[in-house]
Amino acid sequence: MARYVLRVFRDNVTGWVPTILVVAVVTTLVGICMNQFVWTSSPSFTLAARQAGLDPAEFGMVSVTIYVVVSLLAFFSLTVVGSATVNRIHGTFAQWRLMGASPSQVLASMWMLVGVASLFGSLIGSLAAVPASLLAVPEFNAMAAESFADGFGSFAPPAFTPSMAAWLGSLLLGVATCMLGASIPSLRAAKIRPIEVIRGTGAIGIRHGWRSWAHWALGLIVMAAALALAFSGMGTPRTLAFGQEAGQTFNSALWAGIIASFGMYILVSMLIPILLGIGRVVCRLCGSATGVLAARSAKAKAASNTNTIAPLALAMGLSVTLLTCARSYGRILALGGHPKSLNYADSLLLITMLCIVSLATSMAVIALSNRSMVADQALLRSIGLSPRRVIRMYLWQSLQLAAGAVILSLIPVAVSASVFAARSAALVGIPVAEIPWPGVIGMGTACWLALFLIQFTQIRPALHRSVADTIRTR
């Protein structure tokens, strides 16, 4: 079986390049964080910091937000890539079932193929993290210097050397996270009867029955936990200084948004069909037949579109949550008579990193569904749609997917904003929640254009070919 799995990978190696690149980029970020943590936790670094009168724990604490964001990014991106990989190859392995392969053989082959792709990406990323750490780790220390009253003073850190443990840890983490994302879709795909896939009814879809209720319950429990942790201690009297209370409000709101993003990720596969159904109703009310067709097409491929939207919704949600917390924190300090000039450089760096990786993940998911998109446009043209109208349909579909991503991203933002509004009312007498709405609109517009351009580049060559040629090469 291993020989055939490698042949499947080799026959379309260019189609795997976006997936490998996403895994490589995320693994590189994880490797940099691991190298920084291992270095600042080493005995020589700790001794040098204490001799200079500095707290060694501050070097790790200042980077904890980056650690958390990178961990979330790695988890969401790599699990999405693993799931999308299974969605792409399950039709191929269904044909193996027709030729006598058992479900267990198909399952093992799927995991093997995902493992090969993730191993290539993780190996490239973990190796790239070694030279990248030489450049990035000093920047971590520069941020740590801002947390000390007198900077580094006489502190002279030992020479930085990349850690073998960090390299191996990032490599294994990249492979394991991709396999985690592929595990459940693989189990479902292995149980599909081959005849169902040939008829076109065997696509990996959305859960129904008790699994659907369990999905809803788990997501809502996570949301409730985020709010419970954020509002805990609200009724107790204030015992800290105003600045410390404001800092606690910032931390509570930020962590509530981060936890709520987990809940959003759990519920995204259940919410996407609902949002696309609403989009179809809106298009029907607007009298756009092309928009209705785009919504129905997107809903028919809810599993694939979920993998496309999830990383974008996560990136926008965390980015806007971070900006909301920073702006609201500055507003509270100003109202409390403690105006402070805040440095948004770290926040903008994290936002840029989130946006780049999320777009790359969506590009990888769309590239994995390239064959399906080419076949779909051929079928649309065969029933009378012109190439221009096909492009218009994908423009509508991109708009609906981007709108869904924006709506989902507002879930963690709403949680963080509600925490700030409630706590700030007790601190300064009025509710404060500074949501950057122009940024939300700008991100949504950029997401719409990016999705359309990515899909258009996938189908553009086929639009210039005849319908018969496209169907024959399907």
Protein backbone atom coordinates (compact mmCIF):
# COMPACT_ATOMS: atom_id res chain seq x y z
CA MET A 1 0.00 0.00 0.00
CA ALA A 2 2.84 2.39 0.80
CA ARG A 3 4.07 2.19 -2.79
CA TYR A 4 0.68 3.24 -4.17
CA VAL A 5 0.33 6.04 -1.62
CA LEU A 6 3.67 7.49 -2.70
CA ARG A 7 2.58 7.21 -6.34
CA VAL A 8 -0.60 9.20 -5.58
CA PHE A 9 1.53 11.87 -3.95
CA ARG A 10 4.09 11.92 -6.76
CA ASP A 11 1.54 12.05 -9.61
CA ASN A 12 0.25 15.47 -8.50
CA VAL A 13 3.10 16.82 -6.41
CA THR A 14 2.45 20.41 -7.57
CA GLY A 15 -1.04 20.25 -6.06
CA TRP A 16 0.51 19.53 -2.67
CA VAL A 17 2.89 22.51 -2.76
CA PRO A 18 0.48 25.02 -1.08
CA THR A 19 -0.24 22.53 1.69
CA ILE A 20 3.45 21.85 2.27
CA LEU A 21 4.21 25.59 2.33
CA VAL A 22 1.50 26.29 4.92
CA VAL A 23 2.78 23.52 7.17
CA ALA A 24 6.33 24.82 6.70
CA VAL A 25 5.43 28.42 7.61
CA VAL A 26 3.48 27.42 10.72
CA THR A 27 6.19 24.98 11.82
CA THR A 28 8.79 27.74 11.41
CA LEU A 29 6.84 30.01 13.77
CA VAL A 30 6.48 27.19 16.29
CA GLY A 31 10.21 26.42 16.05
CA ILE A 32 11.14 30.07 16.73
CA CYS A 33 8.94 30.15 19.84
CA MET A 34 10.38 26.85 21.07
CA ASN A 35 13.95 28.04 20.55
CA GLN A 36 13.27 31.25 22.49
CA PHE A 37 11.62 29.35 25.33
CA VAL A 38 14.39 26.76 25.59
CA TRP A 39 17.10 29.45 25.52
CA THR A 40 15.52 31.70 28.18
CA SER A 41 14.88 28.64 30.37
CA SER A 42 18.48 27.42 30.23
CA PRO A 43 20.59 27.53 33.45
CA SER A 44 23.21 29.85 31.90
CA PHE A 45 20.58 32.39 30.82
CA THR A 46 18.85 32.26 34.21
CA LEU A 47 22.14 32.78 36.05
CA ALA A 48 23.12 35.74 33.87
CA ALA A 49 19.71 37.38 34.38
CA ARG A 50 19.84 36.99 38.16
CA GLN A 51 23.37 38.37 38.33
CA ALA A 52 22.11 41.49 36.53
CA GLY A 53 19.23 41.83 38.99
CA LEU A 54 16.55 40.83 36.46
CA ASP A 55 13.70 38.36 36.85
CA PRO A 56 14.24 35.51 34.36
CA ALA A 57 10.49 34.82 34.28
CA GLU A 58 9.86 38.21 32.65
CA PHE A 59 11.59 37.06 29.46
CA GLY A 60 9.03 34.32 29.05
CA MET A 61 6.02 36.27 30.30
CA VAL A 62 6.50 39.09 27.80
CA SER A 63 6.22 36.58 24.96
CA VAL A 64 3.28 34.62 26.34
CA THR A 65 0.80 36.38 24.01
CA ILE A 66 2.92 35.46 21.01
CA TYR A 67 3.21 31.88 22.28
CA VAL A 68 -0.58 31.63 22.65
CA VAL A 69 -1.32 33.16 19.24
CA VAL A 70 1.23 30.96 17.47
CA SER A 71 -0.14 27.88 19.25
CA LEU A 72 -3.69 28.74 18.18
CA LEU A 73 -2.49 29.46 14.67
CA ALA A 74 -0.66 26.14 14.48
CA PHE A 75 -3.63 24.19 15.83
CA PHE A 76 -6.28 25.76 13.62
CA SER A 77 -4.22 25.97 10.41
CA LEU A 78 -2.71 22.51 10.55
CA THR A 79 -5.93 20.75 11.54
CA VAL A 80 -7.75 22.54 8.71
CA VAL A 81 -5.04 21.49 6.25
CA GLY A 82 -5.24 17.90 7.45
CA SER A 83 -9.02 17.84 7.11
CA ALA A 84 -8.93 19.47 3.66
CA THR A 85 -6.37 16.92 2.50
CA VAL A 86 -8.73 14.08 3.36
CA ASN A 87 -11.61 15.85 1.58
CA ARG A 88 -9.49 15.99 -1.55
CA ILE A 89 -8.32 12.38 -1.66
CA HIS A 90 -11.34 10.47 -0.37
CA GLY A 91 -12.68 10.01 -3.92
CA THR A 92 -9.40 8.40 -5.01
CA PHE A 93 -9.46 5.92 -2.15
CA ALA A 94 -13.13 5.15 -2.81
CA GLN A 95 -11.98 3.81 -6.16
CA TRP A 96 -9.54 1.61 -4.25
CA ARG A 97 -12.54 0.23 -2.35
CA LEU A 98 -14.08 -0.77 -5.68
CA MET A 99 -10.91 -2.68 -6.48
CA GLY A 100 -11.06 -4.66 -3.24
CA ALA A 101 -9.33 -2.51 -0.60
CA SER A 102 -10.82 -2.79 2.88
CA PRO A 103 -11.90 0.24 4.98
CA SER A 104 -8.93 -0.30 7.32
CA GLN A 105 -6.51 -0.27 4.36
CA VAL A 106 -8.11 2.92 3.03
CA LEU A 107 -7.90 4.54 6.46
CA ALA A 108 -4.23 3.62 6.85
CA SER A 109 -3.47 4.89 3.35
CA MET A 110 -5.16 8.22 4.04
CA TRP A 111 -3.19 8.72 7.21
CA MET A 112 -0.02 7.73 5.40
CA LEU A 113 -0.59 10.28 2.63
CA VAL A 114 -1.39 13.08 5.11
CA GLY A 115 1.69 12.05 7.07
CA VAL A 116 3.93 12.26 3.99
CA ALA A 117 2.68 15.76 3.07
CA SER A 118 2.90 17.04 6.65
CA LEU A 119 6.34 15.49 7.14
CA PHE A 120 7.70 17.31 4.10
CA GLY A 121 6.27 20.62 5.31
CA SER A 122 7.31 20.13 8.94
CA LEU A 123 10.84 19.15 7.95
CA ILE A 124 11.24 22.27 5.79
CA GLY A 125 9.72 24.49 8.48
CA SER A 126 11.73 23.08 11.37
CA LEU A 127 14.97 23.52 9.41
CA ALA A 128 13.99 27.07 8.39
CA ALA A 129 13.33 27.88 12.06
CA VAL A 130 17.03 27.46 12.88
CA PRO A 131 18.34 30.51 10.94
CA ALA A 132 15.09 32.40 11.55
CA SER A 133 15.57 32.02 15.31
CA LEU A 134 18.96 33.76 15.07
CA LEU A 135 17.11 36.85 13.79
CA ALA A 136 13.83 36.64 15.70
CA VAL A 137 14.96 35.72 19.22
CA PRO A 138 16.83 39.04 19.81
CA GLU A 139 13.55 40.80 18.95
CA PHE A 140 11.85 38.83 21.72
CA ASN A 141 14.48 40.15 24.13
CA ALA A 142 14.02 43.69 22.84
CA MET A 143 10.32 43.45 23.74
CA ALA A 144 11.27 42.03 27.14
CA ALA A 145 13.52 45.04 27.82
CA GLU A 146 10.46 47.32 27.76
CA SER A 147 9.02 45.50 30.80
CA PHE A 148 12.03 46.41 32.98
CA ALA A 149 12.22 49.87 34.52
CA ASP A 150 15.86 50.46 33.51
CA GLY A 151 16.01 48.18 30.49
CA PHE A 152 18.60 45.40 30.48
CA GLY A 153 21.17 47.38 32.49
CA SER A 154 24.33 45.28 32.80
CA PHE A 155 22.66 42.10 31.54
CA ALA A 156 24.79 40.23 29.01
CA PRO A 157 22.94 37.13 27.79
CA PRO A 158 24.88 34.02 26.82
CA ALA A 159 25.38 33.29 23.14
CA PHE A 160 22.23 31.95 21.52
CA THR A 161 22.44 28.53 19.91
CA PRO A 162 19.42 26.80 18.34
CA SER A 163 18.17 23.84 20.32
CA MET A 164 17.98 20.33 18.95
CA ALA A 165 15.00 19.71 21.27
CA ALA A 166 13.19 22.72 19.76
CA TRP A 167 13.89 21.46 16.22
CA LEU A 168 12.60 17.97 17.00
CA GLY A 169 9.62 19.32 18.96
CA SER A 170 8.48 21.60 16.14
CA LEU A 171 8.90 18.77 13.61
CA LEU A 172 6.83 16.31 15.62
CA LEU A 173 4.23 18.92 16.55
CA GLY A 174 3.65 19.86 12.90
CA VAL A 175 3.11 16.24 11.83
CA ALA A 176 0.99 15.34 14.87
CA THR A 177 -1.32 18.37 14.49
CA CYS A 178 -1.96 17.64 10.79
CA MET A 179 -2.72 14.02 11.65
CA LEU A 180 -5.10 15.19 14.36
CA GLY A 181 -7.02 17.28 11.85
CA ALA A 182 -7.19 14.36 9.43
CA SER A 183 -8.24 11.72 11.96
CA ILE A 184 -12.01 12.26 12.18
CA PRO A 185 -12.55 13.04 8.44
CA SER A 186 -10.50 9.93 7.62
CA LEU A 187 -12.68 7.76 9.83
CA ARG A 188 -15.83 9.09 8.17
CA ALA A 189 -14.39 8.81 4.66
CA ALA A 190 -13.29 5.21 5.18
CA LYS A 191 -16.90 4.23 6.03
CA ILE A 192 -18.40 5.70 2.85
CA ARG A 193 -19.61 3.07 0.40
CA PRO A 194 -17.84 3.34 -2.97
CA ILE A 195 -21.10 3.41 -4.92
CA GLU A 196 -22.18 6.54 -3.00
CA VAL A 197 -19.07 8.43 -4.07
CA ILE A 198 -19.55 7.39 -7.70
CA ARG A 199 -23.13 8.65 -7.58
CA GLY A 200 -21.88 11.94 -6.10
CA THR A 201 -23.62 11.51 -2.74
CA GLY A 202 -20.64 10.40 -0.70
CA ALA A 203 -18.89 13.66 -0.04
CA ILE A 204 -17.74 14.21 3.49
CA GLY A 205 -20.50 16.41 4.80
CA ILE A 206 -21.84 18.03 7.90
CA ARG A 207 -22.75 15.95 10.95
CA HIS A 208 -26.39 15.09 11.61
CA GLY A 209 -28.31 13.45 14.44
CA TRP A 210 -26.86 13.17 17.92
CA ARG A 211 -23.40 14.20 16.66
CA SER A 212 -24.86 17.53 15.59
CA TRP A 213 -26.40 18.12 19.01
CA ALA A 214 -23.13 17.12 20.70
CA HIS A 215 -21.30 19.58 18.43
CA TRP A 216 -23.64 22.40 19.38
CA ALA A 217 -23.44 21.51 23.07
CA LEU A 218 -19.63 21.45 23.12
CA GLY A 219 -19.31 24.76 21.31
CA LEU A 220 -21.83 26.51 23.57
CA ILE A 221 -20.14 25.07 26.68
CA VAL A 222 -16.83 26.56 25.56
CA MET A 223 -18.53 29.92 24.97
CA ALA A 224 -20.14 29.79 28.41
CA ALA A 225 -16.78 28.91 29.97
CA ALA A 226 -15.17 31.94 28.30
CA LEU A 227 -17.81 34.26 29.74
CA ALA A 228 -17.76 32.60 33.17
CA LEU A 229 -14.00 32.98 33.50
CA ALA A 230 -14.11 36.56 32.25
CA PHE A 231 -16.87 37.74 34.61
CA SER A 232 -15.66 35.81 37.67
CA GLY A 233 -14.95 38.12 40.57
CA MET A 234 -17.04 40.99 39.17
CA GLY A 235 -18.99 41.43 42.41
CA THR A 236 -15.98 41.58 44.73
CA PRO A 237 -14.80 44.98 46.02
CA ARG A 238 -11.83 46.61 44.29
CA THR A 239 -8.61 46.10 46.24
CA LEU A 240 -6.02 46.95 43.56
CA ALA A 241 -4.86 50.24 42.11
CA PHE A 242 -6.68 51.63 39.07
CA GLY A 243 -3.89 50.70 36.67
CA GLN A 244 -3.80 47.12 37.93
CA GLU A 245 -7.59 46.82 37.69
CA ALA A 246 -7.43 48.09 34.10
CA GLY A 247 -4.69 45.59 33.32
CA GLN A 248 -6.78 42.75 34.75
CA THR A 249 -9.71 43.90 32.63
CA PHE A 250 -7.49 43.76 29.52
CA ASN A 251 -6.25 40.26 30.36
CA SER A 252 -9.76 38.96 31.15
CA ALA A 253 -11.21 40.34 27.93
CA LEU A 254 -8.33 39.04 25.80
CA TRP A 255 -8.45 35.54 27.24
CA ALA A 256 -12.25 35.48 26.95
CA GLY A 257 -11.89 36.28 23.24
CA ILE A 258 -9.23 33.61 22.78
CA ILE A 259 -11.34 30.94 24.49
CA ALA A 260 -14.40 32.07 22.52
CA SER A 261 -12.42 31.55 19.32
CA PHE A 262 -12.19 27.87 20.28
CA GLY A 263 -15.96 27.78 20.60
CA MET A 264 -16.32 29.50 17.24
CA TYR A 265 -14.00 26.94 15.64
CA ILE A 266 -16.06 24.08 17.09
CA LEU A 267 -19.32 25.58 15.80
CA VAL A 268 -18.07 26.76 12.41
CA SER A 269 -19.09 23.58 10.57
CA MET A 270 -22.62 23.90 11.99
CA LEU A 271 -22.97 27.63 11.32
CA ILE A 272 -21.69 27.71 7.73
CA PRO A 273 -24.77 26.00 6.17
CA ILE A 274 -27.04 28.36 8.13
CA LEU A 275 -25.15 31.45 6.97
CA LEU A 276 -25.10 30.26 3.35
CA GLY A 277 -28.83 29.57 3.54
CA ILE A 278 -29.38 33.15 4.75
CA GLY A 279 -27.17 34.36 1.89
CA ARG A 280 -29.35 32.50 -0.62
CA VAL A 281 -32.49 34.14 0.79
CA VAL A 282 -30.87 37.58 0.59
CA CYS A 283 -29.83 36.98 -3.04
CA ARG A 284 -33.34 35.81 -3.89
CA LEU A 285 -34.82 38.97 -2.36
CA CYS A 286 -32.34 41.04 -4.37
CA GLY A 287 -33.44 39.24 -7.56
CA SER A 288 -29.98 37.81 -8.33
CA ALA A 289 -30.30 34.35 -9.86
CA THR A 290 -26.50 34.08 -10.08
CA GLY A 291 -26.20 34.82 -6.35
CA VAL A 292 -28.78 32.14 -5.52
CA LEU A 293 -26.87 29.63 -7.68
CA ALA A 294 -23.60 30.60 -5.95
CA ALA A 295 -25.14 30.12 -2.48
CA ARG A 296 -26.57 26.71 -3.40
CA SER A 297 -23.25 25.63 -4.88
CA ALA A 298 -21.37 26.77 -1.78
CA LYS A 299 -23.83 25.02 0.55
CA ALA A 300 -23.52 21.77 -1.42
CA LYS A 301 -19.79 21.82 -0.60
CA ALA A 302 -20.16 22.90 3.00
CA ALA A 303 -17.30 20.71 4.26
CA SER A 304 -14.76 22.18 1.81
CA ASN A 305 -16.01 25.73 2.37
CA THR A 306 -15.80 25.24 6.13
CA ASN A 307 -12.10 24.51 5.76
CA THR A 308 -11.77 27.66 3.62
CA ILE A 309 -13.64 29.98 5.98
CA ALA A 310 -12.40 28.67 9.34
CA PRO A 311 -8.82 30.05 9.15
CA LEU A 312 -10.03 33.40 7.81
CA ALA A 313 -12.65 33.74 10.55
CA LEU A 314 -10.05 32.82 13.17
CA ALA A 315 -7.51 35.34 11.89
CA MET A 316 -10.03 38.18 11.65
CA GLY A 317 -11.56 37.29 15.01
CA LEU A 318 -8.25 37.24 16.89
CA SER A 319 -6.98 40.34 15.07
CA VAL A 320 -10.06 42.45 15.80
CA THR A 321 -10.21 41.09 19.37
CA LEU A 322 -6.60 42.15 19.94
CA LEU A 323 -7.25 45.64 18.53
CA THR A 324 -10.49 45.97 20.50
CA CYS A 325 -8.74 45.09 23.76
CA ALA A 326 -5.82 47.44 23.10
CA ARG A 327 -8.03 50.39 22.07
CA SER A 328 -10.47 49.85 24.95
CA TYR A 329 -7.61 49.58 27.45
CA GLY A 330 -6.19 52.89 26.26
CA ARG A 331 -9.63 54.50 26.45
CA ILE A 332 -10.16 53.29 30.04
CA LEU A 333 -6.78 54.68 31.11
CA ALA A 334 -7.62 58.03 29.53
CA LEU A 335 -11.02 58.21 31.23
CA GLY A 336 -9.46 57.26 34.56
CA GLY A 337 -6.97 60.10 34.38
CA HIS A 338 -4.00 57.90 33.48
CA PRO A 339 -3.41 58.63 29.77
CA LYS A 340 -0.73 56.45 28.27
CA SER A 341 0.72 56.25 24.78
CA LEU A 342 0.39 52.62 23.69
CA ASN A 343 2.73 50.93 21.24
CA TYR A 344 0.74 48.89 18.70
CA ALA A 345 3.81 47.47 16.93
CA ASP A 346 3.50 44.06 18.63
CA SER A 347 -0.24 43.89 17.90
CA LEU A 348 0.27 44.81 14.25
CA LEU A 349 3.01 42.17 13.96
CA LEU A 350 0.68 39.49 15.32
CA ILE A 351 -2.17 40.66 13.06
CA THR A 352 0.08 40.55 9.99
CA MET A 353 1.24 37.06 10.92
CA LEU A 354 -2.36 35.88 11.44
CA CYS A 355 -3.55 37.30 8.12
CA ILE A 356 -0.67 35.88 6.08
CA VAL A 357 -0.95 32.37 7.50
CA SER A 358 -4.77 32.31 7.28
CA LEU A 359 -4.74 33.41 3.63
CA ALA A 360 -2.07 30.83 2.86
CA THR A 361 -4.19 28.16 4.56
CA SER A 362 -7.28 29.11 2.56
CA MET A 363 -5.19 29.12 -0.61
CA ALA A 364 -3.99 25.62 0.20
CA VAL A 365 -7.56 24.42 0.79
CA ILE A 366 -8.78 25.92 -2.50
CA ALA A 367 -5.78 24.48 -4.36
CA LEU A 368 -6.63 21.03 -2.97
CA SER A 369 -10.14 21.34 -4.47
CA ASN A 370 -8.84 22.49 -7.87
CA ARG A 371 -10.14 19.49 -9.80
CA SER A 372 -13.62 19.89 -8.35
CA MET A 373 -13.76 23.60 -9.25
CA VAL A 374 -12.66 22.93 -12.83
CA ALA A 375 -15.31 20.24 -13.22
CA ASP A 376 -18.00 22.50 -11.72
CA GLN A 377 -17.36 25.34 -14.13
CA ALA A 378 -17.47 22.88 -17.04
CA LEU A 379 -20.87 21.60 -15.91
CA LEU A 380 -22.15 25.16 -15.49
CA ARG A 381 -21.05 26.06 -19.01
CA SER A 382 -22.61 22.87 -20.38
CA ILE A 383 -26.06 23.99 -19.14
CA GLY A 384 -25.74 27.36 -20.86
CA LEU A 385 -23.77 29.71 -18.59
CA SER A 386 -21.23 31.87 -20.37
CA PRO A 387 -17.65 32.15 -19.01
CA ARG A 388 -18.45 35.71 -17.89
CA ARG A 389 -21.45 34.53 -15.90
CA VAL A 390 -19.39 31.72 -14.35
CA ILE A 391 -16.90 34.35 -13.17
CA ARG A 392 -19.79 36.40 -11.78
CA MET A 393 -21.02 33.35 -9.88
CA TYR A 394 -17.63 32.88 -8.24
CA LEU A 395 -17.62 36.59 -7.40
CA TRP A 396 -20.93 36.14 -5.60
CA GLN A 397 -19.71 32.96 -3.91
CA SER A 398 -16.55 34.69 -2.68
CA LEU A 399 -18.68 37.53 -1.28
CA GLN A 400 -20.90 35.08 0.62
CA LEU A 401 -17.93 33.16 2.02
CA ALA A 402 -16.21 36.40 3.09
CA ALA A 403 -19.42 37.65 4.73
CA GLY A 404 -19.69 34.36 6.60
CA ALA A 405 -16.10 34.69 7.80
CA VAL A 406 -16.75 38.24 9.03
CA ILE A 407 -19.90 37.22 10.92
CA LEU A 408 -18.10 34.29 12.57
CA SER A 409 -15.12 36.49 13.47
CA LEU A 410 -17.42 38.84 15.40
CA ILE A 411 -18.26 36.06 17.92
CA PRO A 412 -14.99 36.33 19.93
CA VAL A 413 -15.00 40.10 19.38
CA ALA A 414 -18.48 40.35 20.93
CA VAL A 415 -17.35 38.30 23.93
CA SER A 416 -14.30 40.51 24.56
CA ALA A 417 -16.28 43.71 24.00
CA SER A 418 -18.96 42.63 26.48
CA VAL A 419 -16.28 41.93 29.11
CA PHE A 420 -14.75 45.37 28.59
CA ALA A 421 -18.15 47.09 28.66
CA ALA A 422 -19.17 45.42 31.93
CA ARG A 423 -15.86 45.87 33.75
CA SER A 424 -15.24 49.41 32.51
CA ALA A 425 -18.66 50.49 33.81
CA ALA A 426 -17.46 49.56 37.30
CA LEU A 427 -14.09 51.25 36.80
CA VAL A 428 -14.91 54.56 35.09
CA GLY A 429 -18.70 54.70 35.30
CA ILE A 430 -19.46 54.20 31.60
CA PRO A 431 -19.21 51.10 29.37
CA VAL A 432 -16.21 51.17 27.04
CA ALA A 433 -15.81 48.87 24.03
CA GLU A 434 -13.73 50.34 21.19
CA ILE A 435 -14.40 47.97 18.26
CA PRO A 436 -12.46 49.07 15.13
CA TRP A 437 -15.34 48.84 12.65
CA PRO A 438 -13.35 50.36 9.73
CA GLY A 439 -10.78 47.61 10.26
CA VAL A 440 -13.51 44.95 10.24
CA ILE A 441 -14.90 46.28 6.96
CA GLY A 442 -11.42 46.54 5.46
CA MET A 443 -10.53 42.97 6.47
CA GLY A 444 -13.81 41.67 5.08
CA THR A 445 -13.28 43.44 1.77
CA ALA A 446 -9.70 42.16 1.52
CA CYS A 447 -10.92 38.65 2.35
CA TRP A 448 -13.57 38.86 -0.42
CA LEU A 449 -11.07 39.99 -3.06
CA ALA A 450 -8.47 37.43 -1.96
CA LEU A 451 -10.95 34.54 -2.10
CA PHE A 452 -12.17 35.57 -5.52
CA LEU A 453 -8.67 35.97 -6.95
CA ILE A 454 -7.56 32.60 -5.55
CA GLN A 455 -10.59 30.82 -7.04
CA PHE A 456 -10.32 32.71 -10.32
CA THR A 457 -6.69 31.68 -10.81
CA GLN A 458 -7.75 28.05 -10.34
CA ILE A 459 -10.46 28.09 -13.02
CA ARG A 460 -9.03 30.64 -15.46
CA PRO A 461 -7.11 28.14 -17.66
CA ALA A 462 -10.21 25.95 -17.98
CA LEU A 463 -12.39 28.89 -19.03
CA HIS A 464 -10.35 29.22 -22.23
CA ARG A 465 -10.84 25.55 -23.13
CA SER A 466 -13.92 23.99 -24.60
CA VAL A 467 -16.40 22.28 -22.29
CA ALA A 468 -15.79 18.92 -23.95
CA ASP A 469 -12.05 19.11 -23.40
CA THR A 470 -12.52 20.03 -19.74
CA ILE A 471 -14.92 17.17 -19.08
CA ARG A 472 -12.65 14.68 -20.88
CA THR A 473 -9.65 15.68 -18.72
CA ARG A 474 -11.66 15.58 -15.54
